[in-house]
Amino acid sequence: MKNLFAQEAALVGYPGTDTKSWPGLGEKVAATFHDGVISRITDFRQSPSAPPGELQFVQYTMATWGGFSGSPVFLPNGRVAAVHNMATSVKSKSGEIRAIPHGIRVDSLWELLVYHKLDDKIALKIDPGQVLLDRWLKPDEKGEKIRQDYAQAVALAAEGSRLVFRPTELWLRR
C-alpha cells in the first residue's frame, strides 16, 4: 500500500449520537460523513520507525465517536485505506480533552483473512504471497517479555501477601 501520510481521507459511518434507532419501514437511513487527513502512521506499538509493512496503525484528523467503529476510511479515489477502530482521549495543558481517532490499515484485514484461511470467503481476491504473515507466525519477543514481567509481578505480590499475613497466622496458633 502506498504511503498514506498526509493523504486526504474521509469516514462514513452510523454513530450512535446521530443514529438513535433502526429506521422504520420506509424511513430513510442517513450516514454521517467526516473528512480530514491521515496525520500519523505507526506500527501497533506506535513506533513510526517500524518496517513499512508493519506501519498499519493509522491516525487521522476527522472527528469520530462511539458507533464509528468498523467504518471505512476512504481515500479521494474511493479506495478504503483503513477501518476505524478507536479514538484515544488526550488532555491538553489547558484542560481541553481531545479525541485522536485511529484505524487499522486495510491490509491488516487481508492478513487476518489469510492467516485464518478465510480469504476465499470474500469476493476480493487476495494474493497470499503479498500478505505479510511472518510477524504473526514467529514469537513476539516484546510481548513475551511483558507476559514474563506480569507473571513475576503476580508471584511477588502473592509472596508479599503470604509474608504479611503469615505472622498473624503464627500468632493465632499460640
N, C-alpha and C. Protein backbone atom coordinates (compact mmCIF):
# COMPACT_ATOMS: atom_id res chain seq x y z
N MET A 1 0.85 -1.17 0.00
CA MET A 1 0.00 0.00 0.00
C MET A 1 0.89 1.23 0.00
N LYS A 2 0.53 2.24 -0.80
CA LYS A 2 1.35 3.45 -0.90
C LYS A 2 1.37 4.20 0.41
N ASN A 3 2.28 5.14 0.52
CA ASN A 3 2.38 5.94 1.74
C ASN A 3 1.10 6.74 1.92
N LEU A 4 0.44 6.55 3.04
CA LEU A 4 -0.83 7.21 3.31
C LEU A 4 -0.66 8.54 4.04
N PHE A 5 0.53 8.82 4.54
CA PHE A 5 0.75 10.01 5.35
C PHE A 5 0.34 11.28 4.60
N ALA A 6 -0.43 12.12 5.27
CA ALA A 6 -0.90 13.42 4.77
C ALA A 6 -1.89 13.31 3.61
N GLN A 7 -2.40 12.13 3.36
CA GLN A 7 -3.40 11.95 2.32
C GLN A 7 -4.77 12.40 2.84
N GLU A 8 -5.55 13.03 1.97
CA GLU A 8 -6.92 13.36 2.34
C GLU A 8 -7.67 12.05 2.54
N ALA A 9 -8.58 12.06 3.49
CA ALA A 9 -9.36 10.86 3.79
C ALA A 9 -10.72 11.27 4.33
N ALA A 10 -11.66 10.34 4.29
CA ALA A 10 -13.00 10.59 4.82
C ALA A 10 -13.52 9.32 5.46
N LEU A 11 -14.46 9.51 6.34
CA LEU A 11 -15.04 8.42 7.11
C LEU A 11 -16.56 8.49 6.95
N VAL A 12 -17.17 7.36 6.74
CA VAL A 12 -18.63 7.29 6.64
C VAL A 12 -19.10 6.23 7.61
N GLY A 13 -20.03 6.60 8.49
CA GLY A 13 -20.50 5.62 9.47
C GLY A 13 -21.85 5.99 10.03
N TYR A 14 -22.24 5.25 11.04
CA TYR A 14 -23.54 5.41 11.69
C TYR A 14 -23.34 5.50 13.20
N PRO A 15 -22.76 6.63 13.68
CA PRO A 15 -22.51 6.75 15.11
C PRO A 15 -23.80 6.82 15.91
N GLY A 16 -23.75 6.32 17.12
CA GLY A 16 -24.92 6.28 17.99
C GLY A 16 -25.49 7.64 18.32
N THR A 17 -24.67 8.69 18.29
CA THR A 17 -25.17 10.02 18.59
C THR A 17 -26.07 10.54 17.48
N ASP A 18 -25.85 10.09 16.26
CA ASP A 18 -26.66 10.53 15.12
C ASP A 18 -27.74 9.53 14.75
N THR A 19 -27.49 8.27 15.01
CA THR A 19 -28.43 7.20 14.65
C THR A 19 -28.97 6.62 15.95
N LYS A 20 -30.10 7.14 16.39
CA LYS A 20 -30.66 6.74 17.69
C LYS A 20 -31.31 5.37 17.67
N SER A 21 -31.84 4.96 16.52
CA SER A 21 -32.51 3.67 16.43
C SER A 21 -32.55 3.22 14.98
N TRP A 22 -32.93 1.97 14.80
CA TRP A 22 -33.08 1.46 13.44
C TRP A 22 -34.21 2.21 12.77
N PRO A 23 -34.04 2.57 11.49
CA PRO A 23 -35.14 3.25 10.80
C PRO A 23 -36.34 2.32 10.64
N GLY A 24 -37.51 2.91 10.70
CA GLY A 24 -38.72 2.14 10.49
C GLY A 24 -38.91 1.83 9.02
N LEU A 25 -39.83 0.99 8.73
CA LEU A 25 -40.14 0.60 7.35
C LEU A 25 -40.46 1.85 6.54
N GLY A 26 -39.73 2.06 5.46
CA GLY A 26 -39.94 3.22 4.59
C GLY A 26 -39.20 4.47 5.01
N GLU A 27 -38.54 4.45 6.19
CA GLU A 27 -37.79 5.62 6.63
C GLU A 27 -36.40 5.63 6.01
N LYS A 28 -35.86 6.79 5.84
CA LYS A 28 -34.56 6.99 5.21
C LYS A 28 -33.42 6.71 6.22
N VAL A 29 -32.38 6.06 5.76
CA VAL A 29 -31.18 5.84 6.55
C VAL A 29 -30.19 6.94 6.18
N ALA A 30 -29.60 7.56 7.18
CA ALA A 30 -28.66 8.65 6.91
C ALA A 30 -27.32 8.37 7.57
N ALA A 31 -26.29 8.25 6.76
CA ALA A 31 -24.93 8.06 7.27
C ALA A 31 -24.35 9.41 7.68
N THR A 32 -23.30 9.38 8.48
CA THR A 32 -22.57 10.58 8.88
C THR A 32 -21.22 10.57 8.19
N PHE A 33 -20.86 11.71 7.58
CA PHE A 33 -19.62 11.85 6.81
C PHE A 33 -18.72 12.87 7.49
N HIS A 34 -17.45 12.52 7.69
CA HIS A 34 -16.45 13.46 8.20
C HIS A 34 -15.20 13.31 7.34
N ASP A 35 -14.52 14.41 7.10
CA ASP A 35 -13.29 14.33 6.31
C ASP A 35 -12.14 14.99 7.04
N GLY A 36 -10.93 14.70 6.58
CA GLY A 36 -9.71 15.24 7.18
C GLY A 36 -8.52 14.69 6.43
N VAL A 37 -7.43 14.49 7.14
CA VAL A 37 -6.22 13.92 6.54
C VAL A 37 -5.66 12.85 7.46
N ILE A 38 -4.89 11.95 6.88
CA ILE A 38 -4.17 10.96 7.66
C ILE A 38 -2.96 11.67 8.24
N SER A 39 -2.87 11.71 9.57
CA SER A 39 -1.88 12.55 10.23
C SER A 39 -0.69 11.81 10.82
N ARG A 40 -0.78 10.50 10.94
CA ARG A 40 0.35 9.74 11.52
C ARG A 40 0.15 8.27 11.17
N ILE A 41 1.25 7.57 10.95
CA ILE A 41 1.21 6.14 10.67
C ILE A 41 2.33 5.48 11.47
N THR A 42 1.95 4.48 12.27
CA THR A 42 2.92 3.78 13.11
C THR A 42 2.62 2.28 13.08
N ASP A 43 3.44 1.52 13.79
CA ASP A 43 3.08 0.12 14.00
C ASP A 43 2.15 0.07 15.21
N PHE A 44 1.77 -1.12 15.64
CA PHE A 44 0.81 -1.24 16.73
C PHE A 44 1.39 -0.86 18.09
N ARG A 45 2.70 -0.66 18.16
CA ARG A 45 3.34 -0.18 19.39
C ARG A 45 3.60 1.33 19.29
N GLN A 46 3.02 1.94 18.29
CA GLN A 46 3.11 3.37 18.00
C GLN A 46 4.51 3.83 17.65
N SER A 47 5.28 2.96 17.02
CA SER A 47 6.61 3.32 16.55
C SER A 47 6.55 3.66 15.06
N PRO A 48 6.94 4.88 14.69
CA PRO A 48 6.96 5.23 13.28
C PRO A 48 8.18 4.66 12.55
N SER A 49 9.13 4.07 13.30
CA SER A 49 10.37 3.56 12.72
C SER A 49 10.30 2.09 12.33
N ALA A 50 9.14 1.47 12.45
CA ALA A 50 9.00 0.05 12.10
C ALA A 50 9.14 -0.13 10.60
N PRO A 51 9.39 -1.35 10.15
CA PRO A 51 9.45 -1.60 8.70
C PRO A 51 8.14 -1.18 8.03
N PRO A 52 8.18 -0.73 6.79
CA PRO A 52 6.99 -0.22 6.11
C PRO A 52 5.77 -1.15 6.16
N GLY A 53 5.98 -2.45 6.05
CA GLY A 53 4.87 -3.38 6.07
C GLY A 53 4.16 -3.46 7.42
N GLU A 54 4.82 -2.98 8.47
CA GLU A 54 4.23 -3.02 9.80
C GLU A 54 3.61 -1.70 10.23
N LEU A 55 3.70 -0.68 9.38
CA LEU A 55 3.11 0.62 9.70
C LEU A 55 1.63 0.57 9.35
N GLN A 56 0.85 -0.02 10.25
CA GLN A 56 -0.56 -0.27 9.97
C GLN A 56 -1.52 0.41 10.96
N PHE A 57 -1.01 1.19 11.90
CA PHE A 57 -1.86 1.90 12.84
C PHE A 57 -1.96 3.34 12.33
N VAL A 58 -3.13 3.73 11.88
CA VAL A 58 -3.33 4.98 11.15
C VAL A 58 -4.09 5.98 12.03
N GLN A 59 -3.54 7.17 12.15
CA GLN A 59 -4.20 8.25 12.90
C GLN A 59 -4.68 9.29 11.90
N TYR A 60 -5.82 9.91 12.16
CA TYR A 60 -6.37 10.89 11.22
C TYR A 60 -7.08 12.00 11.96
N THR A 61 -7.41 13.08 11.22
CA THR A 61 -7.93 14.28 11.85
C THR A 61 -9.45 14.38 11.86
N MET A 62 -10.17 13.52 11.18
CA MET A 62 -11.63 13.66 11.20
C MET A 62 -12.19 13.26 12.56
N ALA A 63 -13.24 13.94 12.99
CA ALA A 63 -13.85 13.66 14.28
C ALA A 63 -14.59 12.33 14.24
N THR A 64 -14.46 11.57 15.32
CA THR A 64 -15.18 10.30 15.45
C THR A 64 -15.66 10.17 16.87
N TRP A 65 -16.60 9.27 17.09
CA TRP A 65 -17.08 8.95 18.42
C TRP A 65 -17.72 7.59 18.37
N GLY A 66 -18.25 7.14 19.50
CA GLY A 66 -18.82 5.81 19.58
C GLY A 66 -19.82 5.53 18.46
N GLY A 67 -19.67 4.40 17.84
CA GLY A 67 -20.55 4.00 16.75
C GLY A 67 -19.86 4.06 15.39
N PHE A 68 -18.74 4.76 15.31
CA PHE A 68 -17.99 4.80 14.05
C PHE A 68 -17.11 3.56 13.88
N SER A 69 -16.88 2.82 14.93
CA SER A 69 -16.00 1.65 14.84
C SER A 69 -16.46 0.72 13.73
N GLY A 70 -15.48 0.28 12.95
CA GLY A 70 -15.77 -0.59 11.81
C GLY A 70 -16.06 0.17 10.53
N SER A 71 -16.13 1.48 10.61
CA SER A 71 -16.41 2.29 9.43
C SER A 71 -15.19 2.36 8.52
N PRO A 72 -15.41 2.38 7.21
CA PRO A 72 -14.28 2.51 6.29
C PRO A 72 -13.73 3.93 6.27
N VAL A 73 -12.41 4.02 6.15
CA VAL A 73 -11.73 5.30 5.97
C VAL A 73 -11.31 5.33 4.50
N PHE A 74 -11.93 6.22 3.74
CA PHE A 74 -11.73 6.28 2.28
C PHE A 74 -10.70 7.30 1.88
N LEU A 75 -10.02 7.01 0.77
CA LEU A 75 -9.17 7.98 0.09
C LEU A 75 -10.04 8.68 -0.97
N PRO A 76 -9.58 9.82 -1.53
CA PRO A 76 -10.39 10.52 -2.53
C PRO A 76 -10.75 9.66 -3.76
N ASN A 77 -9.93 8.66 -4.08
CA ASN A 77 -10.23 7.81 -5.24
C ASN A 77 -11.25 6.72 -4.92
N GLY A 78 -11.77 6.70 -3.69
CA GLY A 78 -12.78 5.73 -3.31
C GLY A 78 -12.23 4.46 -2.69
N ARG A 79 -10.93 4.27 -2.72
CA ARG A 79 -10.34 3.07 -2.12
C ARG A 79 -10.36 3.18 -0.61
N VAL A 80 -10.52 2.04 0.05
CA VAL A 80 -10.51 2.00 1.51
C VAL A 80 -9.07 1.90 1.97
N ALA A 81 -8.65 2.85 2.82
CA ALA A 81 -7.29 2.87 3.35
C ALA A 81 -7.21 2.16 4.69
N ALA A 82 -8.28 2.28 5.50
CA ALA A 82 -8.25 1.74 6.86
C ALA A 82 -9.67 1.46 7.32
N VAL A 83 -9.74 0.78 8.45
CA VAL A 83 -11.01 0.53 9.13
C VAL A 83 -10.90 1.21 10.49
N HIS A 84 -11.83 2.11 10.78
CA HIS A 84 -11.80 2.85 12.05
C HIS A 84 -12.03 1.89 13.21
N ASN A 85 -11.22 2.06 14.28
CA ASN A 85 -11.43 1.16 15.41
C ASN A 85 -11.42 1.84 16.77
N MET A 86 -10.93 3.07 16.89
CA MET A 86 -10.86 3.65 18.23
C MET A 86 -10.52 5.13 18.18
N ALA A 87 -10.66 5.78 19.31
CA ALA A 87 -10.16 7.14 19.50
C ALA A 87 -9.62 7.22 20.92
N THR A 88 -8.42 7.73 21.06
CA THR A 88 -7.85 7.91 22.39
C THR A 88 -8.09 9.35 22.82
N SER A 89 -8.39 9.55 24.09
CA SER A 89 -8.61 10.89 24.61
C SER A 89 -7.31 11.43 25.20
N VAL A 90 -7.00 12.67 24.84
CA VAL A 90 -5.79 13.32 25.32
C VAL A 90 -6.20 14.66 25.94
N LYS A 91 -5.66 14.95 27.11
CA LYS A 91 -5.96 16.21 27.78
C LYS A 91 -4.82 17.18 27.53
N SER A 92 -5.14 18.36 27.00
CA SER A 92 -4.12 19.36 26.72
C SER A 92 -3.74 20.09 28.01
N LYS A 93 -2.70 20.92 27.95
CA LYS A 93 -2.27 21.69 29.11
C LYS A 93 -3.36 22.63 29.58
N SER A 94 -4.21 23.08 28.65
CA SER A 94 -5.31 23.99 29.01
C SER A 94 -6.50 23.24 29.60
N GLY A 95 -6.43 21.91 29.63
CA GLY A 95 -7.52 21.11 30.19
C GLY A 95 -8.52 20.62 29.15
N GLU A 96 -8.34 21.04 27.92
CA GLU A 96 -9.24 20.59 26.85
C GLU A 96 -8.99 19.10 26.56
N ILE A 97 -10.06 18.35 26.45
CA ILE A 97 -9.94 16.93 26.11
C ILE A 97 -10.23 16.77 24.63
N ARG A 98 -9.33 16.10 23.95
CA ARG A 98 -9.47 15.91 22.51
C ARG A 98 -9.35 14.44 22.18
N ALA A 99 -10.22 13.98 21.31
CA ALA A 99 -10.16 12.59 20.86
C ALA A 99 -9.27 12.50 19.63
N ILE A 100 -8.36 11.54 19.63
CA ILE A 100 -7.49 11.31 18.48
C ILE A 100 -7.89 9.97 17.88
N PRO A 101 -8.54 10.00 16.71
CA PRO A 101 -9.05 8.77 16.12
C PRO A 101 -7.96 7.95 15.42
N HIS A 102 -8.14 6.63 15.46
CA HIS A 102 -7.21 5.69 14.84
C HIS A 102 -7.98 4.62 14.08
N GLY A 103 -7.33 4.11 13.09
CA GLY A 103 -7.85 2.97 12.36
C GLY A 103 -6.72 2.00 12.06
N ILE A 104 -7.10 0.87 11.55
CA ILE A 104 -6.14 -0.17 11.19
C ILE A 104 -6.10 -0.23 9.67
N ARG A 105 -4.89 -0.12 9.12
CA ARG A 105 -4.75 -0.15 7.66
C ARG A 105 -5.42 -1.40 7.12
N VAL A 106 -6.09 -1.27 5.99
CA VAL A 106 -6.96 -2.34 5.48
C VAL A 106 -6.20 -3.63 5.19
N ASP A 107 -4.90 -3.56 4.90
CA ASP A 107 -4.18 -4.79 4.63
C ASP A 107 -4.02 -5.66 5.88
N SER A 108 -4.26 -5.10 7.07
CA SER A 108 -4.31 -5.92 8.28
C SER A 108 -5.47 -6.90 8.21
N LEU A 109 -6.56 -6.45 7.60
CA LEU A 109 -7.71 -7.33 7.40
C LEU A 109 -7.33 -8.48 6.47
N TRP A 110 -6.59 -8.18 5.42
CA TRP A 110 -6.16 -9.25 4.50
C TRP A 110 -5.30 -10.26 5.25
N GLU A 111 -4.39 -9.77 6.12
CA GLU A 111 -3.55 -10.69 6.91
C GLU A 111 -4.41 -11.60 7.77
N LEU A 112 -5.40 -11.01 8.41
CA LEU A 112 -6.30 -11.79 9.27
C LEU A 112 -7.03 -12.86 8.47
N LEU A 113 -7.54 -12.48 7.33
CA LEU A 113 -8.28 -13.44 6.49
C LEU A 113 -7.37 -14.56 5.99
N VAL A 114 -6.17 -14.23 5.53
CA VAL A 114 -5.25 -15.25 5.03
C VAL A 114 -4.78 -16.14 6.18
N TYR A 115 -4.42 -15.55 7.31
CA TYR A 115 -3.93 -16.31 8.46
C TYR A 115 -4.96 -17.35 8.92
N HIS A 116 -6.22 -16.96 8.94
CA HIS A 116 -7.28 -17.88 9.39
C HIS A 116 -7.94 -18.65 8.24
N LYS A 117 -7.31 -18.58 7.05
CA LYS A 117 -7.78 -19.30 5.87
C LYS A 117 -9.24 -18.97 5.55
N LEU A 118 -9.55 -17.67 5.60
CA LEU A 118 -10.89 -17.19 5.28
C LEU A 118 -10.90 -16.32 4.03
N ASP A 119 -9.75 -16.22 3.36
CA ASP A 119 -9.65 -15.33 2.20
C ASP A 119 -10.52 -15.78 1.04
N ASP A 120 -10.94 -17.03 1.02
CA ASP A 120 -11.81 -17.50 -0.05
C ASP A 120 -13.28 -17.17 0.24
N LYS A 121 -13.56 -16.54 1.37
CA LYS A 121 -14.94 -16.22 1.77
C LYS A 121 -15.38 -14.84 1.30
N ILE A 122 -14.48 -14.08 0.68
CA ILE A 122 -14.84 -12.74 0.21
C ILE A 122 -14.66 -12.65 -1.30
N ALA A 123 -15.35 -11.69 -1.90
CA ALA A 123 -15.31 -11.55 -3.36
C ALA A 123 -13.95 -11.05 -3.85
N LEU A 124 -13.30 -10.21 -3.07
CA LEU A 124 -11.99 -9.68 -3.45
C LEU A 124 -10.95 -10.79 -3.39
N LYS A 125 -10.17 -10.93 -4.42
CA LYS A 125 -9.12 -11.96 -4.43
C LYS A 125 -7.85 -11.40 -3.80
N ILE A 126 -7.38 -12.09 -2.78
CA ILE A 126 -6.17 -11.70 -2.06
C ILE A 126 -5.05 -12.65 -2.47
N ASP A 127 -3.91 -12.09 -2.85
CA ASP A 127 -2.74 -12.90 -3.18
C ASP A 127 -2.00 -13.20 -1.87
N PRO A 128 -2.10 -14.42 -1.34
CA PRO A 128 -1.44 -14.74 -0.07
C PRO A 128 0.06 -14.48 -0.09
N GLY A 129 0.68 -14.53 -1.25
CA GLY A 129 2.10 -14.26 -1.36
C GLY A 129 2.45 -12.80 -1.11
N GLN A 130 1.47 -11.91 -1.20
CA GLN A 130 1.69 -10.49 -0.98
C GLN A 130 1.33 -10.05 0.44
N VAL A 131 0.89 -10.99 1.25
CA VAL A 131 0.45 -10.67 2.61
C VAL A 131 1.56 -11.04 3.59
N LEU A 132 1.87 -10.13 4.51
CA LEU A 132 2.93 -10.36 5.50
C LEU A 132 2.38 -11.13 6.69
N LEU A 133 2.73 -12.41 6.78
CA LEU A 133 2.27 -13.22 7.91
C LEU A 133 3.39 -13.55 8.89
N ASP A 134 4.63 -13.31 8.51
CA ASP A 134 5.77 -13.70 9.34
C ASP A 134 5.67 -13.22 10.78
N ARG A 135 5.28 -11.97 10.96
CA ARG A 135 5.24 -11.44 12.33
C ARG A 135 4.20 -12.13 13.20
N TRP A 136 3.19 -12.73 12.59
CA TRP A 136 2.16 -13.43 13.36
C TRP A 136 2.54 -14.88 13.62
N LEU A 137 3.51 -15.39 12.87
CA LEU A 137 3.91 -16.79 12.99
C LEU A 137 5.12 -17.00 13.89
N LYS A 138 5.89 -15.95 14.13
CA LYS A 138 7.08 -16.08 14.97
C LYS A 138 6.78 -15.53 16.37
N PRO A 139 7.52 -15.97 17.37
CA PRO A 139 7.29 -15.47 18.73
C PRO A 139 7.52 -13.97 18.81
N ASP A 140 6.72 -13.30 19.59
CA ASP A 140 6.83 -11.86 19.80
C ASP A 140 7.67 -11.63 21.06
N GLU A 141 8.94 -11.23 20.87
CA GLU A 141 9.86 -11.08 21.99
C GLU A 141 9.37 -10.04 23.00
N LYS A 142 8.89 -8.90 22.52
CA LYS A 142 8.42 -7.86 23.45
C LYS A 142 7.18 -8.33 24.20
N GLY A 143 6.26 -8.96 23.50
CA GLY A 143 5.05 -9.47 24.15
C GLY A 143 5.37 -10.55 25.17
N GLU A 144 6.31 -11.42 24.83
CA GLU A 144 6.73 -12.48 25.75
C GLU A 144 7.37 -11.88 27.00
N LYS A 145 8.19 -10.85 26.84
CA LYS A 145 8.83 -10.18 27.97
C LYS A 145 7.76 -9.55 28.88
N ILE A 146 6.74 -8.95 28.29
CA ILE A 146 5.65 -8.36 29.08
C ILE A 146 4.93 -9.45 29.87
N ARG A 147 4.65 -10.59 29.22
CA ARG A 147 3.98 -11.69 29.92
C ARG A 147 4.83 -12.21 31.08
N GLN A 148 6.15 -12.33 30.86
CA GLN A 148 7.04 -12.80 31.92
C GLN A 148 7.09 -11.81 33.08
N ASP A 149 7.18 -10.51 32.77
CA ASP A 149 7.20 -9.49 33.81
C ASP A 149 5.91 -9.51 34.62
N TYR A 150 4.78 -9.69 33.93
CA TYR A 150 3.49 -9.74 34.62
C TYR A 150 3.43 -10.96 35.55
N ALA A 151 3.85 -12.11 35.05
CA ALA A 151 3.85 -13.33 35.87
C ALA A 151 4.74 -13.14 37.10
N GLN A 152 5.89 -12.50 36.92
CA GLN A 152 6.79 -12.25 38.05
C GLN A 152 6.14 -11.30 39.06
N ALA A 153 5.45 -10.27 38.58
CA ALA A 153 4.77 -9.32 39.48
C ALA A 153 3.68 -10.02 40.28
N VAL A 154 2.93 -10.91 39.63
CA VAL A 154 1.87 -11.66 40.33
C VAL A 154 2.50 -12.55 41.40
N ALA A 155 3.59 -13.22 41.07
CA ALA A 155 4.26 -14.10 42.04
C ALA A 155 4.80 -13.29 43.22
N LEU A 156 5.38 -12.12 42.96
CA LEU A 156 5.90 -11.28 44.04
C LEU A 156 4.77 -10.76 44.93
N ALA A 157 3.65 -10.39 44.33
CA ALA A 157 2.50 -9.93 45.13
C ALA A 157 1.98 -11.05 46.01
N ALA A 158 1.91 -12.26 45.48
CA ALA A 158 1.45 -13.41 46.27
C ALA A 158 2.42 -13.69 47.41
N GLU A 159 3.72 -13.63 47.13
CA GLU A 159 4.73 -13.86 48.17
C GLU A 159 4.65 -12.77 49.23
N GLY A 160 4.46 -11.51 48.81
CA GLY A 160 4.33 -10.41 49.76
C GLY A 160 3.11 -10.59 50.65
N SER A 161 2.02 -11.01 50.06
CA SER A 161 0.80 -11.25 50.81
C SER A 161 1.01 -12.37 51.83
N ARG A 162 1.70 -13.42 51.41
CA ARG A 162 1.97 -14.55 52.31
C ARG A 162 2.83 -14.10 53.48
N LEU A 163 3.85 -13.27 53.21
CA LEU A 163 4.74 -12.79 54.26
C LEU A 163 4.03 -11.85 55.23
N VAL A 164 3.13 -11.03 54.71
CA VAL A 164 2.41 -10.08 55.56
C VAL A 164 1.44 -10.81 56.47
N PHE A 165 0.74 -11.80 55.95
CA PHE A 165 -0.29 -12.47 56.74
C PHE A 165 0.23 -13.66 57.54
N ARG A 166 1.40 -14.14 57.27
CA ARG A 166 1.94 -15.30 57.99
C ARG A 166 2.15 -15.01 59.47
N PRO A 167 2.71 -13.85 59.86
CA PRO A 167 2.86 -13.60 61.30
C PRO A 167 1.53 -13.67 62.05
N THR A 168 0.46 -13.20 61.43
CA THR A 168 -0.86 -13.27 62.06
C THR A 168 -1.27 -14.71 62.26
N GLU A 169 -1.01 -15.55 61.27
CA GLU A 169 -1.34 -16.97 61.38
C GLU A 169 -0.57 -17.62 62.52
N LEU A 170 0.71 -17.28 62.66
CA LEU A 170 1.54 -17.84 63.73
C LEU A 170 1.06 -17.37 65.10
N TRP A 171 0.65 -16.11 65.20
CA TRP A 171 0.17 -15.57 66.47
C TRP A 171 -1.12 -16.26 66.88
N LEU A 172 -2.00 -16.56 65.89
CA LEU A 172 -3.27 -17.21 66.20
C LEU A 172 -3.07 -18.66 66.67
N ARG A 173 -1.98 -19.29 66.31
CA ARG A 173 -1.74 -20.69 66.68
C ARG A 173 -1.30 -20.82 68.13
N ARG A 174 -0.90 -19.77 68.79
CA ARG A 174 -0.39 -19.84 70.16
C ARG A 174 -1.41 -20.28 71.14
